[in-house]
PDB file of N, CA and C in Angstrom:
ATOM      1  N   MET A   1      36.999  -4.303   3.294  1.00  0.00           N
ATOM      2  CA  MET A   1      36.412  -3.209   3.596  1.00  0.00           C
ATOM      3  C   MET A   1      34.718  -3.324   3.516  1.00  0.00           C
ATOM      4  N   ALA A   2      33.933  -3.021   4.288  1.00  0.00           N
ATOM      5  CA  ALA A   2      32.661  -3.353   4.248  1.00  0.00           C
ATOM      6  C   ALA A   2      32.101  -1.837   3.452  1.00  0.00           C
ATOM      7  N   LEU A   3      31.003  -2.210   2.654  1.00  0.00           N
ATOM      8  CA  LEU A   3      30.342  -1.409   1.949  1.00  0.00           C
ATOM      9  C   LEU A   3      29.350  -0.475   2.748  1.00  0.00           C
ATOM     10  N   SER A   4      29.199   0.705   2.570  1.00  0.00           N
ATOM     11  CA  SER A   4      28.246   1.465   3.001  1.00  0.00           C
ATOM     12  C   SER A   4      26.822   1.287   2.499  1.00  0.00           C
ATOM     13  N   LEU A   5      25.944   1.630   3.233  1.00  0.00           N
ATOM     14  CA  LEU A   5      24.456   1.353   2.549  1.00  0.00           C
ATOM     15  C   LEU A   5      24.219   2.118   1.180  1.00  0.00           C
ATOM     16  N   ALA A   6      24.966   3.248   1.000  1.00  0.00           N
ATOM     17  CA  ALA A   6      24.692   3.734  -0.315  1.00  0.00           C
ATOM     18  C   ALA A   6      25.530   3.219  -1.188  1.00  0.00           C
ATOM     19  N   ASP A   7      26.827   2.406  -0.805  1.00  0.00           N
ATOM     20  CA  ASP A   7      27.500   1.633  -1.791  1.00  0.00           C
ATOM     21  C   ASP A   7      26.896   0.372  -2.315  1.00  0.00           C
ATOM     22  N   LYS A   8      26.097  -0.226  -1.192  1.00  0.00           N
ATOM     23  CA  LYS A   8      25.248  -1.428  -1.620  1.00  0.00           C
ATOM     24  C   LYS A   8      24.302  -1.134  -2.433  1.00  0.00           C
ATOM     25  N   LEU A   9      23.475   0.034  -2.088  1.00  0.00           N
ATOM     26  CA  LEU A   9      22.258   0.329  -3.231  1.00  0.00           C
ATOM     27  C   LEU A   9      22.766   0.513  -4.565  1.00  0.00           C
ATOM     28  N   ALA A  10      23.893   1.188  -4.680  1.00  0.00           N
ATOM     29  CA  ALA A  10      24.396   1.679  -6.088  1.00  0.00           C
ATOM     30  C   ALA A  10      24.749   0.164  -6.684  1.00  0.00           C
ATOM     31  N   VAL A  11      25.307  -0.848  -5.976  1.00  0.00           N
ATOM     32  CA  VAL A  11      25.590  -2.193  -6.594  1.00  0.00           C
ATOM     33  C   VAL A  11      24.379  -2.820  -7.147  1.00  0.00           C
ATOM     34  N   LEU A  12      23.321  -2.750  -6.171  1.00  0.00           N
ATOM     35  CA  LEU A  12      22.006  -3.344  -6.391  1.00  0.00           C
ATOM     36  C   LEU A  12      21.534  -2.629  -7.659  1.00  0.00           C
ATOM     37  N   LYS A  13      21.577  -1.287  -7.738  1.00  0.00           N
ATOM     38  CA  LYS A  13      20.983  -0.493  -8.814  1.00  0.00           C
ATOM     39  C   LYS A  13      21.643  -0.959 -10.202  1.00  0.00           C
ATOM     40  N   SER A  14      22.931  -1.285 -10.167  1.00  0.00           N
ATOM     41  CA  SER A  14      23.614  -1.658 -11.265  1.00  0.00           C
ATOM     42  C   SER A  14      23.181  -2.940 -11.969  1.00  0.00           C
ATOM     43  N   LYS A  15      22.609  -3.672 -11.245  1.00  0.00           N
ATOM     44  CA  LYS A  15      22.150  -4.996 -11.615  1.00  0.00           C
ATOM     45  C   LYS A  15      20.609  -5.206 -12.162  1.00  0.00           C
ATOM     46  N   THR A  16      20.044  -3.905 -12.127  1.00  0.00           N
ATOM     47  CA  THR A  16      18.649  -4.061 -12.486  1.00  0.00           C
ATOM     48  C   THR A  16      18.203  -3.964 -14.051  1.00  0.00           C
ATOM     49  N   PRO A  17      19.071  -3.209 -14.797  1.00  0.00           N
ATOM     50  CA  PRO A  17      18.655  -3.115 -16.120  1.00  0.00           C
ATOM     51  C   PRO A  17      17.923  -4.293 -16.936  1.00  0.00           C
ATOM     52  N   GLY A  18      16.728  -3.853 -17.216  1.00  0.00           N
ATOM     53  CA  GLY A  18      15.990  -4.929 -18.024  1.00  0.00           C
ATOM     54  C   GLY A  18      15.215  -5.939 -17.291  1.00  0.00           C
ATOM     55  N   ASN A  19      15.357  -5.904 -16.011  1.00  0.00           N
ATOM     56  CA  ASN A  19      14.589  -6.864 -14.991  1.00  0.00           C
ATOM     57  C   ASN A  19      13.701  -5.956 -14.073  1.00  0.00           C
ATOM     58  N   TYR A  20      12.434  -6.317 -14.430  1.00  0.00           N
ATOM     59  CA  TYR A  20      11.270  -5.544 -13.863  1.00  0.00           C
ATOM     60  C   TYR A  20      11.353  -5.609 -12.328  1.00  0.00           C
ATOM     61  N   TYR A  21      11.308  -6.954 -12.045  1.00  0.00           N
ATOM     62  CA  TYR A  21      11.075  -7.421 -10.417  1.00  0.00           C
ATOM     63  C   TYR A  21      12.496  -6.871  -9.761  1.00  0.00           C
ATOM     64  N   ALA A  22      13.607  -7.009 -10.257  1.00  0.00           N
ATOM     65  CA  ALA A  22      14.961  -6.456  -9.526  1.00  0.00           C
ATOM     66  C   ALA A  22      14.826  -4.888  -9.564  1.00  0.00           C
ATOM     67  N   SER A  23      14.344  -4.192 -10.429  1.00  0.00           N
ATOM     68  CA  SER A  23      14.417  -2.801 -10.380  1.00  0.00           C
ATOM     69  C   SER A  23      13.199  -2.205  -9.673  1.00  0.00           C
ATOM     70  N   ARG A  24      12.073  -2.975  -9.602  1.00  0.00           N
ATOM     71  CA  ARG A  24      11.089  -2.669  -8.413  1.00  0.00           C
ATOM     72  C   ARG A  24      11.450  -2.906  -7.073  1.00  0.00           C
ATOM     73  N   SER A  25      12.128  -3.927  -6.908  1.00  0.00           N
ATOM     74  CA  SER A  25      12.404  -4.016  -5.375  1.00  0.00           C
ATOM     75  C   SER A  25      13.590  -3.339  -5.041  1.00  0.00           C
ATOM     76  N   VAL A  26      14.564  -3.007  -5.854  1.00  0.00           N
ATOM     77  CA  VAL A  26      15.771  -2.096  -5.372  1.00  0.00           C
ATOM     78  C   VAL A  26      15.316  -0.781  -5.343  1.00  0.00           C
ATOM     79  N   SER A  27      14.113  -0.212  -6.048  1.00  0.00           N
ATOM     80  CA  SER A  27      13.618   1.123  -5.870  1.00  0.00           C
ATOM     81  C   SER A  27      13.018   1.042  -4.473  1.00  0.00           C
ATOM     82  N   GLN A  28      12.268  -0.052  -4.209  1.00  0.00           N
ATOM     83  CA  GLN A  28      11.521  -0.081  -2.794  1.00  0.00           C
ATOM     84  C   GLN A  28      12.680   0.078  -1.559  1.00  0.00           C
ATOM     85  N   VAL A  29      13.819  -0.651  -1.684  1.00  0.00           N
ATOM     86  CA  VAL A  29      14.979  -0.560  -0.814  1.00  0.00           C
ATOM     87  C   VAL A  29      15.312   0.762  -0.758  1.00  0.00           C
ATOM     88  N   GLY A  30      15.508   1.389  -1.917  1.00  0.00           N
ATOM     89  CA  GLY A  30      16.072   2.941  -1.716  1.00  0.00           C
ATOM     90  C   GLY A  30      15.000   3.763  -1.069  1.00  0.00           C
ATOM     91  N   TYR A  31      13.760   3.621  -1.269  1.00  0.00           N
ATOM     92  CA  TYR A  31      12.750   4.462  -0.592  1.00  0.00           C
ATOM     93  C   TYR A  31      12.698   3.805   0.951  1.00  0.00           C
ATOM     94  N   ALA A  32      12.852   2.724   1.190  1.00  0.00           N
ATOM     95  CA  ALA A  32      12.860   2.377   2.629  1.00  0.00           C
ATOM     96  C   ALA A  32      14.031   2.937   3.488  1.00  0.00           C
ATOM     97  N   LEU A  33      15.261   3.305   2.573  1.00  0.00           N
ATOM     98  CA  LEU A  33      16.489   3.838   3.314  1.00  0.00           C
ATOM     99  C   LEU A  33      16.117   5.467   3.616  1.00  0.00           C
ATOM    100  N   LYS A  34      15.312   5.965   2.601  1.00  0.00           N
ATOM    101  CA  LYS A  34      14.883   7.246   2.975  1.00  0.00           C
ATOM    102  C   LYS A  34      14.123   7.545   4.028  1.00  0.00           C
ATOM    103  N   LEU A  35      13.091   6.426   4.071  1.00  0.00           N
ATOM    104  CA  LEU A  35      12.060   6.469   5.226  1.00  0.00           C
ATOM    105  C   LEU A  35      12.806   6.166   6.680  1.00  0.00           C
ATOM    106  N   SER A  36      13.855   5.382   6.444  1.00  0.00           N
ATOM    107  CA  SER A  36      14.612   5.136   7.752  1.00  0.00           C
ATOM    108  C   SER A  36      15.348   6.343   8.129  1.00  0.00           C
ATOM    109  N   ALA A  37      15.791   6.955   7.198  1.00  0.00           N
ATOM    110  CA  ALA A  37      16.654   8.212   7.614  1.00  0.00           C
ATOM    111  C   ALA A  37      15.913   9.256   8.320  1.00  0.00           C
ATOM    112  N   VAL A  38      14.752   9.417   7.744  1.00  0.00           N
ATOM    113  CA  VAL A  38      13.721  10.405   8.542  1.00  0.00           C
ATOM    114  C   VAL A  38      13.655   9.981   9.858  1.00  0.00           C
ATOM    115  N   ASP A  39      13.670   8.754  10.266  1.00  0.00           N
ATOM    116  CA  ASP A  39      13.707   8.266  11.870  1.00  0.00           C
ATOM    117  C   ASP A  39      14.940   7.835  12.403  1.00  0.00           C
ATOM    118  N   GLY A  40      16.102   8.536  11.766  1.00  0.00           N
ATOM    119  CA  GLY A  40      17.355   8.422  12.257  1.00  0.00           C
ATOM    120  C   GLY A  40      17.899   7.161  12.159  1.00  0.00           C
ATOM    121  N   GLY A  41      17.802   6.440  11.041  1.00  0.00           N
ATOM    122  CA  GLY A  41      18.154   5.223  10.725  1.00  0.00           C
ATOM    123  C   GLY A  41      17.737   4.089  11.320  1.00  0.00           C
ATOM    124  N   LYS A  42      16.320   4.217  11.894  1.00  0.00           N
ATOM    125  CA  LYS A  42      15.631   3.352  12.887  1.00  0.00           C
ATOM    126  C   LYS A  42      15.780   1.961  12.236  1.00  0.00           C
ATOM    127  N   TYR A  43      15.520   1.678  10.846  1.00  0.00           N
ATOM    128  CA  TYR A  43      15.365   0.684  10.193  1.00  0.00           C
ATOM    129  C   TYR A  43      16.403   0.293   9.389  1.00  0.00           C
ATOM    130  N   ASP A  44      17.654   0.715   9.482  1.00  0.00           N
ATOM    131  CA  ASP A  44      18.798   0.618   8.652  1.00  0.00           C
ATOM    132  C   ASP A  44      19.415  -0.819   8.682  1.00  0.00           C
ATOM    133  N   ALA A  45      19.278  -1.463   9.811  1.00  0.00           N
ATOM    134  CA  ALA A  45      19.758  -2.766  10.113  1.00  0.00           C
ATOM    135  C   ALA A  45      18.759  -3.852   9.322  1.00  0.00           C
ATOM    136  N   GLU A  46      17.617  -3.660   9.415  1.00  0.00           N
ATOM    137  CA  GLU A  46      16.709  -4.524   8.725  1.00  0.00           C
ATOM    138  C   GLU A  46      16.737  -4.541   7.156  1.00  0.00           C
ATOM    139  N   ILE A  47      17.026  -3.137   6.792  1.00  0.00           N
ATOM    140  CA  ILE A  47      17.046  -2.954   5.413  1.00  0.00           C
ATOM    141  C   ILE A  47      18.319  -3.397   4.783  1.00  0.00           C
ATOM    142  N   GLU A  48      19.385  -3.369   5.453  1.00  0.00           N
ATOM    143  CA  GLU A  48      20.792  -3.833   5.273  1.00  0.00           C
ATOM    144  C   GLU A  48      20.776  -5.319   4.856  1.00  0.00           C
ATOM    145  N   ALA A  49      20.138  -6.016   5.909  1.00  0.00           N
ATOM    146  CA  ALA A  49      19.714  -7.449   5.811  1.00  0.00           C
ATOM    147  C   ALA A  49      19.221  -7.707   4.515  1.00  0.00           C
ATOM    148  N   VAL A  50      18.227  -7.067   4.086  1.00  0.00           N
ATOM    149  CA  VAL A  50      17.553  -7.290   2.867  1.00  0.00           C
ATOM    150  C   VAL A  50      18.411  -7.061   1.537  1.00  0.00           C
ATOM    151  N   MET A  51      19.212  -6.039   1.894  1.00  0.00           N
ATOM    152  CA  MET A  51      20.317  -5.752   0.666  1.00  0.00           C
ATOM    153  C   MET A  51      21.268  -6.844   0.670  1.00  0.00           C
ATOM    154  N   ASP A  52      21.626  -7.202   1.688  1.00  0.00           N
ATOM    155  CA  ASP A  52      22.737  -8.400   1.824  1.00  0.00           C
ATOM    156  C   ASP A  52      22.172  -9.761   1.043  1.00  0.00           C
ATOM    157  N   PHE A  53      20.934  -9.829   1.336  1.00  0.00           N
ATOM    158  CA  PHE A  53      20.188 -10.922   0.857  1.00  0.00           C
ATOM    159  C   PHE A  53      20.130 -10.887  -0.699  1.00  0.00           C
ATOM    160  N   MET A  54      20.034  -9.519  -1.172  1.00  0.00           N
ATOM    161  CA  MET A  54      19.973  -9.514  -2.743  1.00  0.00           C
ATOM    162  C   MET A  54      21.244  -9.362  -3.306  1.00  0.00           C
ATOM    163  N   LEU A  55      22.228  -8.977  -2.542  1.00  0.00           N
ATOM    164  CA  LEU A  55      23.761  -8.897  -3.029  1.00  0.00           C
ATOM    165  C   LEU A  55      24.412 -10.393  -2.935  1.00  0.00           C
ATOM    166  N   ASP A  56      23.982 -11.281  -1.996  1.00  0.00           N
ATOM    167  CA  ASP A  56      24.321 -12.657  -2.212  1.00  0.00           C
ATOM    168  C   ASP A  56      23.744 -13.329  -3.414  1.00  0.00           C
ATOM    169  N   ASP A  57      22.391 -13.039  -3.814  1.00  0.00           N
ATOM    170  CA  ASP A  57      21.927 -13.458  -5.168  1.00  0.00           C
ATOM    171  C   ASP A  57      22.927 -13.072  -6.245  1.00  0.00           C
ATOM    172  N   ILE A  58      23.422 -11.947  -6.205  1.00  0.00           N
ATOM    173  CA  ILE A  58      24.141 -11.474  -7.379  1.00  0.00           C
ATOM    174  C   ILE A  58      25.544 -12.280  -7.497  1.00  0.00           C
ATOM    175  N   GLN A  59      26.039 -12.398  -6.157  1.00  0.00           N
ATOM    176  CA  GLN A  59      27.248 -13.269  -6.033  1.00  0.00           C
ATOM    177  C   GLN A  59      26.835 -14.748  -6.602  1.00  0.00           C
ATOM    178  N   LYS A  60      25.800 -15.223  -6.535  1.00  0.00           N
ATOM    179  CA  LYS A  60      25.531 -16.501  -6.918  1.00  0.00           C
ATOM    180  C   LYS A  60      25.095 -16.563  -8.414  1.00  0.00           C
ATOM    181  N   ASN A  61      24.358 -15.568  -8.852  1.00  0.00           N
ATOM    182  CA  ASN A  61      23.817 -15.634 -10.216  1.00  0.00           C
ATOM    183  C   ASN A  61      24.159 -14.539 -11.041  1.00  0.00           C
ATOM    184  N   ALA A  62      25.034 -13.543 -10.778  1.00  0.00           N
ATOM    185  CA  ALA A  62      25.522 -12.511 -11.500  1.00  0.00           C
ATOM    186  C   ALA A  62      24.349 -11.495 -11.577  1.00  0.00           C
ATOM    187  N   ALA A  63      23.146 -11.777 -11.104  1.00  0.00           N
ATOM    188  CA  ALA A  63      22.114 -10.957 -11.272  1.00  0.00           C
ATOM    189  C   ALA A  63      21.043 -10.867 -10.224  1.00  0.00           C
ATOM    190  N   ILE A  64      20.111 -10.148  -9.876  1.00  0.00           N
ATOM    191  CA  ILE A  64      19.037 -10.260  -8.887  1.00  0.00           C
ATOM    192  C   ILE A  64      17.938 -11.016  -9.606  1.00  0.00           C
ATOM    193  N   THR A  65      17.800 -12.447  -9.175  1.00  0.00           N
ATOM    194  CA  THR A  65      16.789 -13.147  -9.833  1.00  0.00           C
ATOM    195  C   THR A  65      15.347 -12.850  -9.322  1.00  0.00           C
ATOM    196  N   ASP A  66      14.223 -13.035 -10.292  1.00  0.00           N
ATOM    197  CA  ASP A  66      12.978 -12.723  -9.794  1.00  0.00           C
ATOM    198  C   ASP A  66      12.560 -13.308  -8.338  1.00  0.00           C
ATOM    199  N   PRO A  67      12.919 -14.465  -8.113  1.00  0.00           N
ATOM    200  CA  PRO A  67      12.440 -15.139  -6.896  1.00  0.00           C
ATOM    201  C   PRO A  67      12.952 -14.318  -5.600  1.00  0.00           C
ATOM    202  N   VAL A  68      14.151 -13.988  -5.777  1.00  0.00           N
ATOM    203  CA  VAL A  68      15.002 -13.154  -4.844  1.00  0.00           C
ATOM    204  C   VAL A  68      14.519 -11.742  -4.578  1.00  0.00           C
ATOM    205  N   ALA A  69      14.128 -11.055  -5.768  1.00  0.00           N
ATOM    206  CA  ALA A  69      13.531  -9.766  -5.681  1.00  0.00           C
ATOM    207  C   ALA A  69      12.178  -9.774  -5.109  1.00  0.00           C
ATOM    208  N   LYS A  70      11.351 -10.837  -5.268  1.00  0.00           N
ATOM    209  CA  LYS A  70      10.028 -10.953  -4.894  1.00  0.00           C
ATOM    210  C   LYS A  70      10.055 -11.030  -3.310  1.00  0.00           C
ATOM    211  N   GLU A  71      11.053 -12.041  -2.862  1.00  0.00           N
ATOM    212  CA  GLU A  71      11.198 -12.280  -1.471  1.00  0.00           C
ATOM    213  C   GLU A  71      11.798 -11.061  -0.773  1.00  0.00           C
ATOM    214  N   ALA A  72      12.665 -10.225  -1.394  1.00  0.00           N
ATOM    215  CA  ALA A  72      13.066  -9.007  -0.732  1.00  0.00           C
ATOM    216  C   ALA A  72      11.889  -7.936  -0.421  1.00  0.00           C
ATOM    217  N   GLU A  73      10.979  -8.011  -1.579  1.00  0.00           N
ATOM    218  CA  GLU A  73       9.798  -7.187  -1.293  1.00  0.00           C
ATOM    219  C   GLU A  73       9.089  -7.569   0.003  1.00  0.00           C
ATOM    220  N   LYS A  74       8.820  -8.739   0.064  1.00  0.00           N
ATOM    221  CA  LYS A  74       8.126  -9.494   1.344  1.00  0.00           C
ATOM    222  C   LYS A  74       8.812  -9.256   2.725  1.00  0.00           C
ATOM    223  N   LYS A  75      10.217  -9.211   2.626  1.00  0.00           N
ATOM    224  CA  LYS A  75      10.942  -8.919   3.747  1.00  0.00           C
ATOM    225  C   LYS A  75      10.819  -7.374   3.995  1.00  0.00           C
ATOM    226  N   LEU A  76      10.550  -6.456   3.100  1.00  0.00           N
ATOM    227  CA  LEU A  76      10.222  -4.997   3.424  1.00  0.00           C
ATOM    228  C   LEU A  76       8.829  -4.587   3.834  1.00  0.00           C
ATOM    229  N   GLU A  77       8.042  -5.457   3.655  1.00  0.00           N
ATOM    230  CA  GLU A  77       6.694  -5.329   4.130  1.00  0.00           C
ATOM    231  C   GLU A  77       6.231  -4.667   5.441  1.00  0.00           C
ATOM    232  N   PHE A  78       7.121  -4.803   6.425  1.00  0.00           N
ATOM    233  CA  PHE A  78       7.123  -4.499   7.585  1.00  0.00           C
ATOM    234  C   PHE A  78       7.048  -2.876   7.762  1.00  0.00           C
ATOM    235  N   MET A  79       7.495  -2.373   6.640  1.00  0.00           N
ATOM    236  CA  MET A  79       7.536  -0.977   6.446  1.00  0.00           C
ATOM    237  C   MET A  79       6.449  -0.205   5.687  1.00  0.00           C
ATOM    238  N   SER A  80       5.618  -1.124   5.096  1.00  0.00           N
ATOM    239  CA  SER A  80       4.409  -0.735   4.233  1.00  0.00           C
ATOM    240  C   SER A  80       3.550   0.306   4.810  1.00  0.00           C
ATOM    241  N   ALA A  81       3.147   0.230   6.166  1.00  0.00           N
ATOM    242  CA  ALA A  81       2.187   1.269   6.756  1.00  0.00           C
ATOM    243  C   ALA A  81       2.980   2.595   6.898  1.00  0.00           C
ATOM    244  N   LEU A  82       4.027   2.432   7.206  1.00  0.00           N
ATOM    245  CA  LEU A  82       4.920   3.752   7.427  1.00  0.00           C
ATOM    246  C   LEU A  82       5.179   4.520   6.038  1.00  0.00           C
ATOM    247  N   ALA A  83       5.332   3.623   4.891  1.00  0.00           N
ATOM    248  CA  ALA A  83       5.694   4.229   3.581  1.00  0.00           C
ATOM    249  C   ALA A  83       4.117   4.865   3.207  1.00  0.00           C
ATOM    250  N   LYS A  84       3.087   4.294   3.390  1.00  0.00           N
ATOM    251  CA  LYS A  84       1.853   4.721   2.942  1.00  0.00           C
ATOM    252  C   LYS A  84       1.285   5.953   3.811  1.00  0.00           C
ATOM    253  N   GLN A  85       1.961   6.267   4.862  1.00  0.00           N
ATOM    254  CA  GLN A  85       1.504   7.374   5.646  1.00  0.00           C
ATOM    255  C   GLN A  85       2.509   8.479   5.327  1.00  0.00           C
ATOM    256  N   THR A  86       3.539   8.406   4.713  1.00  0.00           N
ATOM    257  CA  THR A  86       4.437   9.319   4.429  1.00  0.00           C
ATOM    258  C   THR A  86       4.036  10.139   3.190  1.00  0.00           C
ATOM    259  N   LYS A  87       4.013  11.598   3.308  1.00  0.00           N
ATOM    260  CA  LYS A  87       3.846  12.393   2.254  1.00  0.00           C
ATOM    261  C   LYS A  87       4.958  12.647   1.538  1.00  0.00           C
ATOM    262  N   VAL A  88       5.138  12.788   0.427  1.00  0.00           N
ATOM    263  CA  VAL A  88       6.386  13.100  -0.457  1.00  0.00           C
ATOM    264  C   VAL A  88       5.747  14.365  -1.246  1.00  0.00           C
ATOM    265  N   VAL A  89       6.460  15.435  -1.246  1.00  0.00           N
ATOM    266  CA  VAL A  89       6.272  16.727  -1.650  1.00  0.00           C
ATOM    267  C   VAL A  89       7.330  16.788  -2.820  1.00  0.00           C
ATOM    268  N   CYS A  90       7.041  17.160  -3.895  1.00  0.00           N
ATOM    269  CA  CYS A  90       7.995  17.212  -5.049  1.00  0.00           C
ATOM    270  C   CYS A  90       7.797  18.896  -5.492  1.00  0.00           C
ATOM    271  N   VAL A  91       8.925  19.700  -5.381  1.00  0.00           N
ATOM    272  CA  VAL A  91       9.050  20.930  -5.708  1.00  0.00           C
ATOM    273  C   VAL A  91       9.865  21.215  -6.847  1.00  0.00           C
ATOM    274  N   SER A  92       9.402  21.853  -8.012  1.00  0.00           N
ATOM    275  CA  SER A  92      10.395  21.962  -9.131  1.00  0.00           C
ATOM    276  C   SER A  92      10.975  23.600  -9.012  1.00  0.00           C
ATOM    277  N   HIS A  93      11.928  23.788  -9.621  1.00  0.00           N
ATOM    278  CA  HIS A  93      12.593  25.028  -9.662  1.00  0.00           C
ATOM    279  C   HIS A  93      13.095  25.399 -11.162  1.00  0.00           C
ATOM    280  N   ALA A  94      12.916  26.347 -11.538  1.00  0.00           N
ATOM    281  CA  ALA A  94      13.523  26.666 -12.884  1.00  0.00           C
ATOM    282  C   ALA A  94      14.256  28.022 -12.798  1.00  0.00           C
ATOM    283  N   HIS A  95      15.295  28.204 -13.386  1.00  0.00           N
ATOM    284  CA  HIS A  95      16.153  29.323 -13.377  1.00  0.00           C
ATOM    285  C   HIS A  95      16.671  29.622 -14.742  1.00  0.00           C
ATOM    286  N   ILE A  96      16.435  30.774 -15.202  1.00  0.00           N
ATOM    287  CA  ILE A  96      16.914  31.354 -16.481  1.00  0.00           C
ATOM    288  C   ILE A  96      17.773  32.332 -16.317  1.00  0.00           C
ATOM    289  N   ASP A  97      19.153  32.233 -16.603  1.00  0.00           N
ATOM    290  CA  ASP A  97      20.278  33.079 -16.418  1.00  0.00           C
ATOM    291  C   ASP A  97      20.156  33.920 -17.628  1.00  0.00           C
ATOM    292  N   MET A  98      19.968  35.406 -17.360  1.00  0.00           N
ATOM    293  CA  MET A  98      20.015  36.185 -18.453  1.00  0.00           C
ATOM    294  C   MET A  98      21.154  36.413 -19.174  1.00  0.00           C
ATOM    295  N   ASN A  99      22.422  36.160 -18.470  1.00  0.00           N
ATOM    296  CA  ASN A  99      23.742  36.149 -18.741  1.00  0.00           C
ATOM    297  C   ASN A  99      24.030  35.019 -20.043  1.00  0.00           C
ATOM    298  N   TRP A 100      23.011  34.264 -20.392  1.00  0.00           N
ATOM    299  CA  TRP A 100      23.308  33.270 -21.368  1.00  0.00           C
ATOM    300  C   TRP A 100      22.780  33.797 -22.588  1.00  0.00           C
ATOM    301  N   SER A 101      22.216  34.997 -22.473  1.00  0.00           N
ATOM    302  CA  SER A 101      21.581  35.484 -23.852  1.00  0.00           C
ATOM    303  C   SER A 101      22.571  35.784 -24.877  1.00  0.00           C
ATOM    304  N   ALA A 102      22.295  35.998 -26.064  1.00  0.00           N
ATOM    305  CA  ALA A 102      23.325  36.070 -27.195  1.00  0.00           C
ATOM    306  C   ALA A 102      23.861  37.614 -26.913  1.00  0.00           C
ATOM    307  N   THR A 103      25.202  37.804 -27.212  1.00  0.00           N
ATOM    308  CA  THR A 103      25.667  39.005 -27.156  1.00  0.00           C
ATOM    309  C   THR A 103      26.318  39.367 -28.673  1.00  0.00           C
ATOM    310  N   ARG A 104      26.413  40.775 -28.673  1.00  0.00           N
ATOM    311  CA  ARG A 104      26.651  41.415 -30.008  1.00  0.00           C
ATOM    312  C   ARG A 104      28.216  41.830 -29.840  1.00  0.00           C
ATOM    313  N   SER A 105      29.014  41.635 -30.776  1.00  0.00           N
ATOM    314  CA  SER A 105      30.558  42.250 -30.707  1.00  0.00           C
ATOM    315  C   SER A 105      30.310  43.729 -31.098  1.00  0.00           C
ATOM    316  N   ALA A 106      31.149  44.413 -30.691  1.00  0.00           N
ATOM    317  CA  ALA A 106      31.211  45.894 -30.886  1.00  0.00           C
ATOM    318  C   ALA A 106      32.076  46.074 -32.187  1.00  0.00           C
TER     319      ALA A 106
END
């Protein structure tokens, strides 16, 4: 059974603890997928090829090695201009439920 892009990303994320370059490149893959989704999945095939490149490294080395992480970043450079022109807006929200307040027994 073939893994979905989301499943592949989850596997990649699971192999990054403690590895700066692996973590950085996997974050870039995740962002690239989001950019691709905005354009209807336009770049999914290219991003999946990068993910498969990284997954192959995991199969061989049980981790994402620094050279493969750096090469993965180079393979994503074609999206650099798109990433730089994209504006990300973060909006926070807070909700205080008054029903959580202390109650008094009768």
